[in-house]
Protein backbone atom coordinates (compact mmCIF):
# COMPACT_ATOMS: atom_id res chain seq x y z
CA MET A 1 149.85 33.67 137.08
CA THR A 2 149.38 31.90 133.76
CA PHE A 3 149.18 33.89 130.53
CA GLN A 4 145.42 33.34 130.37
CA GLU A 5 144.98 34.57 133.94
CA LYS A 6 146.96 37.71 133.11
CA LEU A 7 144.88 38.23 129.99
CA GLU A 8 141.67 37.92 132.01
CA GLN A 9 142.99 40.41 134.57
CA TYR A 10 143.99 42.83 131.80
CA ALA A 11 140.51 42.65 130.27
CA GLU A 12 138.89 43.20 133.66
CA LEU A 13 141.20 46.13 134.40
CA THR A 14 140.33 47.64 131.01
CA VAL A 15 136.59 47.37 131.64
CA LYS A 16 136.38 48.21 135.34
CA VAL A 17 139.16 50.77 135.72
CA GLY A 18 140.07 52.02 132.24
CA ILE A 19 136.65 52.58 130.70
CA ASN A 20 134.66 51.89 133.91
CA VAL A 21 131.58 50.50 132.16
CA GLN A 22 128.29 51.50 133.80
CA GLU A 23 124.98 49.65 134.09
CA GLY A 24 122.91 50.03 130.91
CA GLN A 25 125.68 51.78 128.96
CA ILE A 26 126.55 51.44 125.28
CA LEU A 27 130.23 50.72 124.63
CA LEU A 28 131.77 51.29 121.20
CA VAL A 29 135.05 49.39 120.74
CA SER A 30 137.52 50.05 117.93
CA ALA A 31 139.92 47.14 117.37
CA THR A 32 141.85 45.31 114.68
CA THR A 33 141.66 41.69 113.66
CA ASP A 34 144.98 41.13 115.47
CA THR A 35 143.21 41.68 118.81
CA LEU A 36 140.34 39.21 118.40
CA ASP A 37 140.94 37.01 121.48
CA PHE A 38 141.48 39.91 123.85
CA THR A 39 138.60 41.90 122.38
CA ARG A 40 136.22 39.00 122.98
CA LEU A 41 137.31 38.92 126.62
CA VAL A 42 136.67 42.65 126.92
CA VAL A 43 133.20 42.25 125.40
CA LYS A 44 132.42 39.49 127.91
CA LYS A 45 133.66 41.55 130.85
CA ALA A 46 131.71 44.58 129.65
CA TYR A 47 128.45 42.67 129.54
CA GLU A 48 129.19 41.21 132.97
CA ALA A 49 129.70 44.78 134.23
CA GLY A 50 126.21 45.69 133.00
CA ALA A 51 126.70 47.08 129.50
CA LYS A 52 123.51 47.21 127.47
CA ARG A 53 125.22 46.88 124.10
CA VAL A 54 128.84 46.39 123.06
CA GLN A 55 129.55 47.24 119.43
CA VAL A 56 132.96 46.33 118.02
CA ASN A 57 134.28 47.96 114.86
CA TYR A 58 137.06 45.75 113.51
CA THR A 59 139.59 46.86 110.92
CA ASP A 60 141.96 44.55 109.07
CA PRO A 61 145.42 46.08 108.59
CA VAL A 62 145.82 44.30 105.25
CA GLN A 63 142.59 45.82 103.96
CA THR A 64 143.56 49.22 105.36
CA ARG A 65 146.77 49.08 103.35
CA MET A 66 144.80 48.06 100.25
CA HIS A 67 142.50 51.05 100.68
CA PHE A 68 145.37 53.52 100.83
CA GLU A 69 147.09 51.90 97.85
CA LEU A 70 144.13 51.29 95.54
CA ALA A 71 141.23 53.63 96.35
CA PRO A 72 140.71 56.72 94.15
CA ASP A 73 141.98 60.07 95.37
CA GLU A 74 138.49 61.37 96.18
CA ALA A 75 138.02 58.58 98.74
CA PHE A 76 140.53 60.32 101.00
CA ARG A 77 138.70 63.63 100.87
CA GLU A 78 135.47 62.09 102.22
CA TYR A 79 134.37 60.50 105.48
CA PRO A 80 131.35 58.18 105.80
CA GLU A 81 128.30 59.77 107.40
CA TRP A 82 127.25 56.47 108.99
CA SER A 83 130.48 56.43 111.01
CA VAL A 84 129.78 59.95 112.27
CA ALA A 85 126.20 58.98 113.18
CA GLN A 86 127.39 55.91 115.10
CA ARG A 87 129.67 58.01 117.30
CA ASP A 88 126.99 60.65 117.79
CA GLU A 89 124.59 58.00 119.12
CA VAL A 90 127.15 56.91 121.72
CA ILE A 91 127.67 60.52 122.81
CA GLU A 92 123.93 61.29 122.97
CA THR A 93 123.17 58.21 125.08
CA GLY A 94 126.05 58.72 127.54
CA GLY A 95 127.99 55.77 126.18
CA ALA A 96 131.74 55.14 126.19
CA PHE A 97 134.55 54.63 123.69
CA LEU A 98 137.38 52.09 123.89
CA TRP A 99 140.28 51.66 121.49
CA ILE A 100 142.26 48.41 121.52
CA ASP A 101 145.45 49.32 119.74
CA ALA A 102 147.67 46.84 117.89
CA GLU A 103 149.20 49.34 115.52
CA ASP A 104 151.78 48.26 112.94
CA PRO A 105 154.20 51.22 113.07
CA ASP A 106 155.09 50.72 109.39
CA LEU A 107 151.63 49.90 108.06
CA LEU A 108 151.38 52.86 105.68
CA THR A 109 155.07 53.39 104.90
CA GLY A 110 155.42 54.45 101.28
CA ILE A 111 151.88 55.79 100.98
CA SER A 112 151.66 59.31 99.58
CA PRO A 113 151.79 61.87 102.43
CA LYS A 114 149.07 63.79 100.54
CA ARG A 115 146.70 60.82 100.83
CA LEU A 116 147.46 60.44 104.51
CA SER A 117 146.96 64.15 105.08
CA ASP A 118 143.69 64.24 103.11
CA ALA A 119 142.35 61.29 105.12
CA GLN A 120 143.32 63.01 108.38
CA LYS A 121 141.62 66.25 107.37
CA ALA A 122 138.42 64.54 106.18
CA ALA A 123 138.09 62.55 109.40
CA GLY A 124 139.01 65.54 111.56
CA ASN A 125 136.42 67.80 110.00
CA ALA A 126 133.65 65.20 109.98
CA LEU A 127 134.26 64.13 113.58
CA GLU A 128 134.47 67.55 115.20
CA ARG A 129 131.63 66.83 117.64
CA TYR A 130 133.20 63.50 118.54
CA ARG A 131 136.65 65.03 119.10
CA SER A 132 135.13 67.76 121.23
CA ALA A 133 133.37 65.16 123.40
CA ILE A 134 136.63 63.26 123.88
CA VAL A 135 138.93 66.18 124.72
CA SER A 136 136.36 67.65 127.15
CA ASP A 137 135.73 64.26 128.82
CA LYS A 138 132.03 64.55 128.06
CA VAL A 139 132.09 60.76 127.72
CA ALA A 140 134.32 58.07 129.18
CA TRP A 141 137.07 56.86 126.85
CA SER A 142 140.18 54.74 127.12
CA ILE A 143 143.00 53.29 125.04
CA VAL A 144 144.79 50.00 125.73
CA ALA A 145 147.18 47.99 123.58
CA VAL A 146 147.63 44.41 122.42
CA PRO A 147 150.62 43.04 120.46
CA SER A 148 150.39 42.31 116.76
CA PRO A 149 153.15 40.30 115.05
CA GLU A 150 154.16 43.33 112.97
CA TRP A 151 154.35 45.67 115.94
CA ALA A 152 156.16 43.12 118.13
CA SER A 153 158.74 42.40 115.41
CA LYS A 154 159.43 46.12 115.03
CA VAL A 155 160.08 46.40 118.79
CA PHE A 156 162.08 43.17 119.16
CA THR A 157 164.08 43.05 115.95
CA GLY A 158 165.71 39.70 115.31
CA SER A 159 163.18 37.61 117.26
CA SER A 160 160.74 35.30 115.55
CA ASP A 161 157.19 36.66 115.32
CA GLU A 162 156.04 34.25 118.00
CA LYS A 163 158.87 35.11 120.40
CA ALA A 164 158.51 38.84 119.72
CA VAL A 165 154.78 38.74 120.53
CA GLU A 166 155.54 36.83 123.73
CA LYS A 167 158.12 39.45 124.77
CA LEU A 168 155.77 42.32 124.00
CA TRP A 169 152.96 40.73 126.02
CA GLU A 170 155.36 40.38 128.96
CA ALA A 171 156.36 44.03 128.67
CA ILE A 172 152.75 45.26 128.44
CA PHE A 173 151.61 43.18 131.42
CA LYS A 174 154.43 44.52 133.56
CA ILE A 175 153.84 48.14 132.55
CA VAL A 176 150.09 48.02 133.25
CA ARG A 177 150.76 46.33 136.61
CA ILE A 178 149.33 42.93 135.71
CA GLY A 179 150.59 39.74 137.36
CA GLU A 180 152.01 41.13 140.59
CA GLY A 181 149.07 41.13 142.97
CA ASP A 182 145.91 43.22 142.92
CA ALA A 183 146.20 45.32 139.74
CA VAL A 184 143.20 47.49 140.64
CA ALA A 185 144.74 48.41 144.01
CA LYS A 186 148.11 49.10 142.37
CA TRP A 187 146.44 51.45 139.90
CA LYS A 188 144.68 53.34 142.68
CA ASP A 189 148.01 53.85 144.46
CA HIS A 190 149.69 54.91 141.21
CA ILE A 191 147.01 57.48 140.36
CA ALA A 192 147.18 58.85 143.90
CA THR A 193 150.92 59.47 143.42
CA LEU A 194 150.35 61.29 140.13
CA GLU A 195 147.59 63.41 141.64
CA THR A 196 149.95 64.47 144.44
CA LYS A 197 152.34 65.86 141.80
CA ALA A 198 149.48 67.59 139.96
CA ALA A 199 148.27 69.18 143.19
CA ALA A 200 151.75 70.52 143.97
CA LEU A 201 152.01 72.10 140.52
CA ASN A 202 148.52 73.59 140.81
CA ASP A 203 149.50 75.19 144.11
CA LYS A 204 152.49 76.89 142.45
CA ARG A 205 150.58 78.63 139.61
CA TYR A 206 153.66 78.85 137.39
CA LYS A 207 153.48 81.45 134.63
CA LYS A 208 155.92 79.66 132.33
CA LEU A 209 157.96 76.48 131.94
CA HIS A 210 161.54 76.57 130.68
CA TYR A 211 162.90 73.35 129.12
CA ARG A 212 166.65 72.80 128.63
CA ALA A 213 168.35 69.73 127.17
CA PRO A 214 170.67 68.90 124.26
CA GLY A 215 168.86 70.25 121.18
CA THR A 216 166.15 71.90 123.31
CA ASP A 217 165.76 75.40 124.75
CA LEU A 218 162.04 76.12 124.96
CA THR A 219 159.82 78.43 126.98
CA VAL A 220 156.13 77.60 127.32
CA GLU A 221 153.70 80.12 128.80
CA LEU A 222 150.67 78.73 130.65
CA PRO A 223 147.13 80.20 130.80
CA ASP A 224 146.25 82.07 134.01
CA LYS A 225 143.63 79.50 135.03
CA HIS A 226 145.46 76.39 133.86
CA ILE A 227 144.95 73.09 135.70
CA TRP A 228 147.48 70.29 135.97
CA THR A 229 145.72 66.95 135.76
CA THR A 230 146.43 63.23 135.30
CA GLY A 231 145.19 60.34 133.18
CA ALA A 232 142.47 59.78 135.77
CA ALA A 233 139.50 61.78 134.49
CA LYS A 234 135.79 62.11 135.24
CA THR A 235 132.73 62.64 133.06
CA PRO A 236 130.38 65.56 133.89
CA ALA A 237 128.32 63.01 135.85
CA GLY A 238 131.35 62.26 138.01
CA ILE A 239 132.10 58.81 136.56
CA PRO A 240 135.87 58.16 136.82
CA PHE A 241 137.87 56.56 134.01
CA ILE A 242 141.49 56.36 132.86
CA ALA A 243 142.01 57.59 129.33
CA ASN A 244 145.36 55.91 128.72
CA MET A 245 146.57 52.61 130.13
CA PRO A 246 149.47 52.94 130.82
CA THR A 247 149.67 56.51 132.09
CA GLU A 248 152.60 58.14 133.85
CA GLU A 249 151.94 61.79 133.00
CA VAL A 250 150.86 64.98 134.69
CA TYR A 251 149.76 67.44 132.02
CA THR A 252 148.19 70.81 131.22
CA VAL A 253 147.75 73.17 128.27
CA PRO A 254 150.03 75.91 126.93
CA LEU A 255 148.94 79.42 126.02
CA LYS A 256 148.57 79.21 122.24
CA HIS A 257 150.83 82.16 121.39
CA GLY A 258 153.17 81.75 124.36
CA VAL A 259 155.68 79.15 123.07
CA ASN A 260 159.16 80.26 121.98
CA GLY A 261 162.46 78.52 121.24
CA HIS A 262 163.31 75.12 119.83
CA VAL A 263 162.76 71.51 120.86
CA THR A 264 164.19 68.21 119.61
CA ASN A 265 162.47 64.82 119.84
CA THR A 266 164.06 61.95 121.79
CA LYS A 267 161.91 59.04 120.56
CA PRO A 268 160.38 58.29 117.16
CA LEU A 269 156.89 59.59 116.42
CA VAL A 270 154.68 57.07 114.61
CA TYR A 271 152.08 59.03 112.66
CA GLN A 272 149.64 57.60 110.13
CA GLY A 273 151.54 54.32 109.94
CA ASN A 274 154.86 56.05 109.27
CA GLU A 275 157.87 56.98 111.38
CA ILE A 276 159.02 60.57 111.89
CA ASP A 277 162.33 60.93 113.71
CA GLY A 278 165.34 63.15 114.30
CA PHE A 279 163.26 66.32 114.17
CA THR A 280 163.61 69.78 115.64
CA LEU A 281 160.75 72.28 115.81
CA THR A 282 161.34 76.01 116.20
CA PHE A 283 158.58 78.20 117.68
CA ASP A 284 157.99 81.92 117.58
CA GLY A 285 154.92 83.40 119.23
CA GLY A 286 153.53 79.90 119.65
CA LYS A 287 153.76 78.94 115.98
CA ILE A 288 156.09 76.38 114.40
CA ILE A 289 158.17 78.49 112.03
CA LYS A 290 160.68 75.78 111.16
CA ALA A 291 160.49 71.97 111.15
CA GLU A 292 163.45 69.81 110.19
CA ALA A 293 163.39 66.00 110.31
CA ARG A 294 165.99 63.38 109.49
CA LYS A 295 163.20 60.92 108.67
CA GLY A 296 159.64 61.65 107.56
CA GLN A 297 160.12 65.31 106.60
CA GLU A 298 157.33 65.36 104.02
CA LEU A 299 154.81 63.80 106.38
CA LEU A 300 155.84 66.18 109.19
CA ASP A 301 155.32 69.11 106.83
CA GLU A 302 151.86 67.82 105.87
CA MET A 303 150.89 67.31 109.51
CA ILE A 304 151.68 70.85 110.64
CA VAL A 305 149.62 72.41 107.83
CA SER A 306 146.57 70.17 108.42
CA ASP A 307 144.81 73.31 109.63
CA GLU A 308 145.73 76.61 111.29
CA GLY A 309 146.00 75.03 114.75
CA ALA A 310 148.31 72.22 113.64
CA ALA A 311 151.28 74.62 113.78
CA TYR A 312 150.71 75.30 117.51
CA LEU A 313 150.89 73.24 120.70
CA GLY A 314 147.91 71.86 122.63
CA GLU A 315 149.50 69.96 125.52
CA VAL A 316 152.53 69.95 127.81
CA ALA A 317 153.10 66.76 129.82
CA LEU A 318 155.62 65.88 132.50
CA VAL A 319 156.88 62.30 132.86
CA PRO A 320 160.01 61.39 134.85
CA HIS A 321 162.76 59.66 132.90
CA ARG A 322 162.84 56.98 135.60
CA SER A 323 159.42 55.52 134.89
CA PRO A 324 158.45 51.87 134.30
CA ILE A 325 158.36 52.26 130.52
CA SER A 326 161.62 54.18 130.32
CA ASP A 327 163.30 51.76 132.72
CA SER A 328 162.33 48.86 130.44
CA GLY A 329 164.79 50.21 127.88
CA ILE A 330 162.28 49.47 125.13
CA ILE A 331 161.30 51.87 122.34
CA PHE A 332 157.74 50.80 121.60
CA TYR A 333 157.15 52.75 118.37
CA ASN A 334 153.70 53.38 119.80
CA THR A 335 152.74 56.75 121.26
CA LEU A 336 150.54 55.22 123.97
CA PHE A 337 153.67 53.72 125.52
CA ASP A 338 156.49 56.01 124.39
CA GLU A 339 154.72 59.19 125.57
CA ASN A 340 154.54 57.66 129.04
CA ALA A 341 158.29 57.12 129.09
CA SER A 342 159.16 60.74 128.40
CA ASN A 343 158.26 64.37 128.87
CA HIS A 344 156.22 65.22 125.82
CA LEU A 345 154.34 67.92 123.98
CA ALA A 346 151.42 67.66 121.60
CA ILE A 347 150.93 69.44 118.33
CA GLY A 348 147.35 70.58 117.75
CA ASP A 349 144.19 70.36 119.83
CA SER A 350 144.12 71.25 123.53
CA TYR A 351 142.13 69.84 126.45
CA PRO A 352 139.49 72.26 127.81
CA THR A 353 139.51 70.26 131.06
CA CYS A 354 142.92 71.80 131.75
CA VAL A 355 141.57 75.33 132.17
CA GLU A 356 139.16 76.38 134.89
CA GLY A 357 135.68 77.00 133.44
CA ALA A 358 136.58 75.95 129.88
CA ARG A 359 135.04 72.49 129.80
CA GLY A 360 131.73 73.46 128.17
CA LEU A 361 132.99 76.20 125.87
CA GLU A 362 132.58 76.19 122.09
CA ARG A 363 135.68 75.94 119.90
CA SER A 364 135.63 79.66 119.12
CA GLU A 365 135.36 80.47 122.81
CA LEU A 366 138.36 78.26 123.60
CA GLN A 367 140.44 80.23 121.11
CA GLY A 368 139.24 83.42 122.80
CA ILE A 369 140.86 82.38 126.10
CA GLY A 370 144.14 81.43 124.44
CA LEU A 371 143.69 77.70 123.83
CA ASN A 372 144.59 76.03 120.56
CA THR A 373 142.07 74.05 118.52
CA SER A 374 142.84 71.73 115.64
CA ILE A 375 141.75 68.56 113.87
CA VAL A 376 145.04 66.95 114.95
CA HIS A 377 146.49 66.09 118.34
CA GLU A 378 149.85 64.35 118.07
CA ASP A 379 152.12 63.75 121.06
CA PHE A 380 155.87 63.75 120.50
CA MET A 381 158.52 62.79 123.01
CA ILE A 382 161.21 65.23 124.16
CA GLY A 383 162.35 63.95 127.58
CA SER A 384 165.69 62.45 128.55
CA ALA A 385 167.98 61.98 131.53
CA GLU A 386 169.61 65.29 130.52
CA MET A 387 166.48 67.44 130.66
CA ASP A 388 166.02 70.23 133.21
CA ILE A 389 162.74 72.11 133.57
CA ASP A 390 162.18 75.28 135.58
CA GLY A 391 158.83 76.71 136.64
CA ILE A 392 158.78 80.48 136.37
CA LEU A 393 156.50 82.37 138.75
CA ALA A 394 154.66 85.59 137.89
CA ASP A 395 157.43 87.65 139.54
CA GLY A 396 160.08 85.99 137.36
CA THR A 397 161.45 83.67 140.04
CA ALA A 398 162.61 80.33 138.59
CA GLU A 399 162.19 77.12 140.56
CA PRO A 400 163.35 73.60 139.60
CA ILE A 401 160.62 71.17 138.54
CA PHE A 402 162.86 68.59 136.82
CA ARG A 403 166.57 68.00 137.17
CA SER A 404 168.40 65.39 135.08
CA GLY A 405 165.09 64.05 133.83
CA SER A 406 163.45 63.48 137.23
CA TRP A 407 161.16 65.38 139.56
CA ALA A 408 163.03 67.96 141.64
CA PHE A 409 160.40 67.98 144.39
């Protein structure tokens, strides 16, 4: 296939499988100016699939940097009401959300962590209804990625911008199963495999998970009615979509106060346009009581005090070390990809869809059944070829789930 043919197939996969646009639906797309050609293809495919209106919100990374450098401090403690209203309209009309990511991992390096934290808090508080709709799958949503020169050059250091972008496109196409036959059929087979793993874990009803690896000895208790699920989700109306493309994970939620021990990251975390790396988190009764980072300490500290829930976990996800992304040998400096190369955890908000009967509960009710709520949800990677994970049954029996970074069943 030519590059253009692969691009067309990627756009079609995004629209028909990722977001699964429905007849008469409104689609809100968030993209950057680096994604213009691909975004136009997505818009075209969405209208061909029957969308009533496709609205694209473009941001320019250069202007974003200017805003964080030059705007007054109060600008970061506010969030525009019109942006809230736009998202609310999409939710109220049963629309869908798509993010086309071309993140520069170093875009906001050097910006005051206080500004970044204030901006995160303002957006998180203003968009509570929107976040609730996303984490409960009330609406269809999906994230895909497109190379930018800055991102590609970070991944492929030493290559020219043009060559780096070419290499990153090749890697993305391969990982999302483009260019090797019927991508839609391949995705159906892939999701079926993941759902088999989720079903096996759901049958077990493990009480706890015990993680062991260099720098990691962590026990995570699970809620009684927890559900293991995959990136293949459904809206309340039964419309299927895939939230992340790629996706290699099977995930659930931890019991908020049931996490104890310490865990060390194995891949960099890119947060707010900055890199956090070489960090170890220590938990007691679910709460992070100690956080030490070789790089990005101040930003890590700001993140975990964003609100009360930012010091607790909201997700546990299992990904075998031998996965397409991990096997590529590439560190993507992009959570969408790196989280799907590694077992990971998430600081902050939890997914109500991962507990039986929790999907329609209010935030206060979720806390009442032991789930964490927060304005943040940040995945960080902890998996490696040296990680073992045991599932612990209610009677204390331990069974292998992962050995040497791979599924043990």
